[in-house]
C-alpha atoms as a PDB file:
ATOM      1  CA  UNK A   1       7.974  12.311  -4.912  1.00  0.00           C
ATOM      2  CA  UNK A   2       8.959  13.495  -1.441  1.00  0.00           C
ATOM      3  CA  UNK A   3      12.634  13.788  -0.501  1.00  0.00           C
ATOM      4  CA  UNK A   4      14.078  10.674   1.052  1.00  0.00           C
ATOM      5  CA  UNK A   5      14.686  10.979   4.802  1.00  0.00           C
ATOM      6  CA  UNK A   6      18.275  10.373   5.853  1.00  0.00           C
ATOM      7  CA  UNK A   7      17.348   7.200   7.761  1.00  0.00           C
ATOM      8  CA  UNK A   8      16.168   5.380   4.619  1.00  0.00           C
ATOM      9  CA  UNK A   9      18.693   2.627   3.899  1.00  0.00           C
ATOM     10  CA  UNK A  10      20.125   2.172   0.423  1.00  0.00           C
ATOM     11  CA  UNK A  11      18.664  -0.670  -1.625  1.00  0.00           C
ATOM     12  CA  UNK A  12      20.404  -4.033  -1.569  1.00  0.00           C
ATOM     13  CA  UNK A  13      22.968  -3.992  -4.350  1.00  0.00           C
ATOM     14  CA  UNK A  14      22.739  -7.713  -5.069  1.00  0.00           C
ATOM     15  CA  UNK A  15      19.078  -7.744  -6.050  1.00  0.00           C
ATOM     16  CA  UNK A  16      18.320  -6.445  -9.578  1.00  0.00           C
ATOM     17  CA  UNK A  17      21.396  -4.210  -9.892  1.00  0.00           C
ATOM     18  CA  UNK A  18      20.211  -2.765 -13.228  1.00  0.00           C
ATOM     19  CA  UNK A  19      16.804  -1.680 -11.952  1.00  0.00           C
ATOM     20  CA  UNK A  20      15.706   1.949 -12.005  1.00  0.00           C
ATOM     21  CA  UNK A  21      14.511   3.615  -8.814  1.00  0.00           C
ATOM     22  CA  UNK A  22      10.791   4.333  -8.691  1.00  0.00           C
ATOM     23  CA  UNK A  23      10.083   5.204  -5.034  1.00  0.00           C
ATOM     24  CA  UNK A  24      11.995   5.444  -1.765  1.00  0.00           C
ATOM     25  CA  UNK A  25      10.210   5.940   1.524  1.00  0.00           C
ATOM     26  CA  UNK A  26      11.194   5.101   5.087  1.00  0.00           C
ATOM     27  CA  UNK A  27       9.318   1.773   4.749  1.00  0.00           C
ATOM     28  CA  UNK A  28       9.740   0.709   1.102  1.00  0.00           C
ATOM     29  CA  UNK A  29      12.106   0.992  -1.815  1.00  0.00           C
ATOM     30  CA  UNK A  30      10.555   0.310  -5.217  1.00  0.00           C
ATOM     31  CA  UNK A  31      12.661  -0.416  -8.284  1.00  0.00           C
ATOM     32  CA  UNK A  32      11.774  -1.589 -11.790  1.00  0.00           C
ATOM     33  CA  UNK A  33      13.889  -3.811 -14.001  1.00  0.00           C
ATOM     34  CA  UNK A  34      12.368  -3.263 -17.428  1.00  0.00           C
ATOM     35  CA  UNK A  35      14.696  -5.784 -19.094  1.00  0.00           C
ATOM     36  CA  UNK A  36      13.638  -8.621 -16.766  1.00  0.00           C
ATOM     37  CA  UNK A  37      10.083  -7.322 -16.380  1.00  0.00           C
ATOM     38  CA  UNK A  38      10.235  -7.272 -12.574  1.00  0.00           C
ATOM     39  CA  UNK A  39       8.990  -4.660 -10.120  1.00  0.00           C
ATOM     40  CA  UNK A  40      10.758  -4.948  -6.775  1.00  0.00           C
ATOM     41  CA  UNK A  41       9.158  -3.779  -3.539  1.00  0.00           C
ATOM     42  CA  UNK A  42      11.821  -3.932  -0.857  1.00  0.00           C
ATOM     43  CA  UNK A  43      10.670  -3.538   2.755  1.00  0.00           C
ATOM     44  CA  UNK A  44      13.042  -1.663   5.060  1.00  0.00           C
ATOM     45  CA  UNK A  45      13.624  -2.456   8.734  1.00  0.00           C
ATOM     46  CA  UNK A  46      11.640   0.546  10.016  1.00  0.00           C
ATOM     47  CA  UNK A  47       8.574  -0.605  11.992  1.00  0.00           C
ATOM     48  CA  UNK A  48       5.174   0.981  11.470  1.00  0.00           C
ATOM     49  CA  UNK A  49       4.292   3.424  14.248  1.00  0.00           C
ATOM     50  CA  UNK A  50       0.596   2.583  13.942  1.00  0.00           C
ATOM     51  CA  UNK A  51      -1.872   0.626  11.851  1.00  0.00           C
ATOM     52  CA  UNK A  52      -2.947   3.905  10.248  1.00  0.00           C
ATOM     53  CA  UNK A  53       0.646   4.482   9.149  1.00  0.00           C
ATOM     54  CA  UNK A  54       0.695   0.959   7.685  1.00  0.00           C
ATOM     55  CA  UNK A  55      -2.468   1.717   5.700  1.00  0.00           C
ATOM     56  CA  UNK A  56      -1.081   5.057   4.477  1.00  0.00           C
ATOM     57  CA  UNK A  57       2.231   3.486   3.435  1.00  0.00           C
ATOM     58  CA  UNK A  58       0.469   0.690   1.574  1.00  0.00           C
ATOM     59  CA  UNK A  59      -1.803   3.188  -0.211  1.00  0.00           C
ATOM     60  CA  UNK A  60       1.246   5.069  -1.502  1.00  0.00           C
ATOM     61  CA  UNK A  61       2.990   1.831  -2.458  1.00  0.00           C
ATOM     62  CA  UNK A  62      -0.030   0.459  -4.315  1.00  0.00           C
ATOM     63  CA  UNK A  63      -0.637   3.747  -6.141  1.00  0.00           C
ATOM     64  CA  UNK A  64       2.999   3.652  -7.288  1.00  0.00           C
ATOM     65  CA  UNK A  65       2.636   0.061  -8.508  1.00  0.00           C
ATOM     66  CA  UNK A  66      -0.550   1.012 -10.384  1.00  0.00           C
ATOM     67  CA  UNK A  67       1.303   3.865 -12.117  1.00  0.00           C
ATOM     68  CA  UNK A  68       3.992   1.464 -13.351  1.00  0.00           C
ATOM     69  CA  UNK A  69       1.459  -0.831 -15.053  1.00  0.00           C
ATOM     70  CA  UNK A  70       1.133  -4.052 -13.077  1.00  0.00           C
ATOM     71  CA  UNK A  71       0.308  -6.313 -16.037  1.00  0.00           C
ATOM     72  CA  UNK A  72       3.687  -5.523 -17.620  1.00  0.00           C
ATOM     73  CA  UNK A  73       5.621  -6.906 -14.659  1.00  0.00           C
ATOM     74  CA  UNK A  74       6.177  -9.745 -12.256  1.00  0.00           C
ATOM     75  CA  UNK A  75       6.368  -8.583  -8.628  1.00  0.00           C
ATOM     76  CA  UNK A  76       9.228  -9.413  -6.293  1.00  0.00           C
ATOM     77  CA  UNK A  77       8.367  -8.525  -2.693  1.00  0.00           C
ATOM     78  CA  UNK A  78      11.580  -8.548  -0.648  1.00  0.00           C
ATOM     79  CA  UNK A  79      10.522  -8.764   3.002  1.00  0.00           C
ATOM     80  CA  UNK A  80      13.850  -9.883   4.472  1.00  0.00           C
ATOM     81  CA  UNK A  81      14.449  -6.660   6.404  1.00  0.00           C
ATOM     82  CA  UNK A  82      10.877  -6.303   7.690  1.00  0.00           C
ATOM     83  CA  UNK A  83      10.579  -6.358  11.472  1.00  0.00           C
ATOM     84  CA  UNK A  84       8.706  -9.400  12.727  1.00  0.00           C
ATOM     85  CA  UNK A  85       5.157  -8.672  13.761  1.00  0.00           C
ATOM     86  CA  UNK A  86       2.146 -10.944  14.050  1.00  0.00           C
ATOM     87  CA  UNK A  87      -0.230  -9.382  16.556  1.00  0.00           C
ATOM     88  CA  UNK A  88      -3.916  -9.914  15.654  1.00  0.00           C
ATOM     89  CA  UNK A  89      -4.579  -6.284  14.648  1.00  0.00           C
ATOM     90  CA  UNK A  90      -1.562  -6.263  12.329  1.00  0.00           C
ATOM     91  CA  UNK A  91      -2.509  -9.623  10.798  1.00  0.00           C
ATOM     92  CA  UNK A  92      -6.081  -8.451  10.156  1.00  0.00           C
ATOM     93  CA  UNK A  93      -4.880  -5.222   8.559  1.00  0.00           C
ATOM     94  CA  UNK A  94      -2.313  -7.000   6.371  1.00  0.00           C
ATOM     95  CA  UNK A  95      -4.905  -9.547   5.269  1.00  0.00           C
ATOM     96  CA  UNK A  96      -7.058  -6.698   3.985  1.00  0.00           C
ATOM     97  CA  UNK A  97      -4.143  -4.833   2.320  1.00  0.00           C
ATOM     98  CA  UNK A  98      -2.207  -7.696   0.730  1.00  0.00           C
ATOM     99  CA  UNK A  99      -4.558  -8.352  -2.211  1.00  0.00           C
ATOM    100  CA  UNK A 100      -4.271  -4.765  -3.470  1.00  0.00           C
ATOM    101  CA  UNK A 101      -0.479  -5.006  -3.178  1.00  0.00           C
ATOM    102  CA  UNK A 102      -0.141  -8.281  -5.101  1.00  0.00           C
ATOM    103  CA  UNK A 103      -3.023  -8.383  -7.602  1.00  0.00           C
ATOM    104  CA  UNK A 104      -2.583  -7.739 -11.299  1.00  0.00           C
ATOM    105  CA  UNK A 105       1.001  -8.902 -11.795  1.00  0.00           C
ATOM    106  CA  UNK A 106       2.044 -11.654 -14.217  1.00  0.00           C
ATOM    107  CA  UNK A 107       3.653 -13.530 -11.316  1.00  0.00           C
ATOM    108  CA  UNK A 108       4.384 -12.814  -7.668  1.00  0.00           C
ATOM    109  CA  UNK A 109       7.396 -13.901  -5.653  1.00  0.00           C
ATOM    110  CA  UNK A 110       8.119 -13.172  -2.010  1.00  0.00           C
ATOM    111  CA  UNK A 111      11.628 -13.206  -0.595  1.00  0.00           C
ATOM    112  CA  UNK A 112      11.817 -13.847   3.150  1.00  0.00           C
ATOM    113  CA  UNK A 113      14.667 -14.198   5.638  1.00  0.00           C
ATOM    114  CA  UNK A 114      13.378 -17.013   7.852  1.00  0.00           C
ATOM    115  CA  UNK A 115      11.098 -20.032   7.945  1.00  0.00           C
ATOM    116  CA  UNK A 116       8.864 -18.107  10.364  1.00  0.00           C
ATOM    117  CA  UNK A 117       8.529 -15.312   7.804  1.00  0.00           C
ATOM    118  CA  UNK A 118       7.746 -17.891   5.144  1.00  0.00           C
ATOM    119  CA  UNK A 119       4.995 -19.372   7.313  1.00  0.00           C
ATOM    120  CA  UNK A 120       3.467 -15.936   7.907  1.00  0.00           C
ATOM    121  CA  UNK A 121       3.352 -15.150   4.177  1.00  0.00           C
ATOM    122  CA  UNK A 122       1.884 -18.615   3.508  1.00  0.00           C
ATOM    123  CA  UNK A 123      -0.965 -17.744   5.911  1.00  0.00           C
ATOM    124  CA  UNK A 124      -1.726 -14.625   3.877  1.00  0.00           C
ATOM    125  CA  UNK A 125      -1.593 -16.665   0.655  1.00  0.00           C
ATOM    126  CA  UNK A 126      -4.114 -19.188   1.960  1.00  0.00           C
ATOM    127  CA  UNK A 127      -6.493 -16.373   2.836  1.00  0.00           C
ATOM    128  CA  UNK A 128      -6.208 -14.230  -0.303  1.00  0.00           C
ATOM    129  CA  UNK A 129      -5.754 -17.033  -2.853  1.00  0.00           C
ATOM    130  CA  UNK A 130      -3.097 -15.152  -4.839  1.00  0.00           C
ATOM    131  CA  UNK A 131      -0.530 -17.578  -6.204  1.00  0.00           C
ATOM    132  CA  UNK A 132       3.036 -16.737  -5.239  1.00  0.00           C
ATOM    133  CA  UNK A 133       6.405 -18.369  -4.711  1.00  0.00           C
ATOM    134  CA  UNK A 134       7.704 -17.795  -1.184  1.00  0.00           C
ATOM    135  CA  UNK A 135      11.378 -18.539  -0.647  1.00  0.00           C
ATOM    136  CA  UNK A 136      14.635 -17.503   0.992  1.00  0.00           C
ATOM    137  CA  UNK A 137      16.548 -18.075  -2.275  1.00  0.00           C
ATOM    138  CA  UNK A 138      17.090 -14.967  -4.473  1.00  0.00           C
ATOM    139  CA  UNK A 139      18.216 -16.916  -7.542  1.00  0.00           C
ATOM    140  CA  UNK A 140      15.258 -19.304  -7.374  1.00  0.00           C
ATOM    141  CA  UNK A 141      12.876 -16.366  -7.155  1.00  0.00           C
ATOM    142  CA  UNK A 142      14.419 -14.502 -10.112  1.00  0.00           C
ATOM    143  CA  UNK A 143      14.290 -17.707 -12.192  1.00  0.00           C
ATOM    144  CA  UNK A 144      10.628 -18.205 -11.289  1.00  0.00           C
ATOM    145  CA  UNK A 145       9.657 -14.615 -12.074  1.00  0.00           C
ATOM    146  CA  UNK A 146      11.434 -14.545 -15.445  1.00  0.00           C
ATOM    147  CA  UNK A 147      10.384 -17.999 -16.705  1.00  0.00           C
ATOM    148  CA  UNK A 148       7.716 -18.009 -19.407  1.00  0.00           C
END
């Protein structure tokens, strides 16, 4: 694992405080809570410099998730800090990358900051067909991901 650049923010303390750190990059923080069975991918506020950078970041993220054993976990994707972006090239690229990010988990939940963010993630869900709960409520999402 590469050293963490100084501009990488610390993870949010309120979300899965007992989770172990798996990966920290300028764009994502990944933590695993083995007790709850949740893998957390937390997006930072750093924008992607290019679509190629987006693809490279997602490759590293997905490889890390594969190494953890997706079937053992539910996935919590925390996108609250992600910079808003919905240009056509970005949307097309995300539509192609999202299935690899989300597939193979017991359940998927997406935490967003705004209704606009929720609508954007709902568009991806309609296109990829992967079931997920999309909400602004941390507690609701944790309950959903840990329910049998």
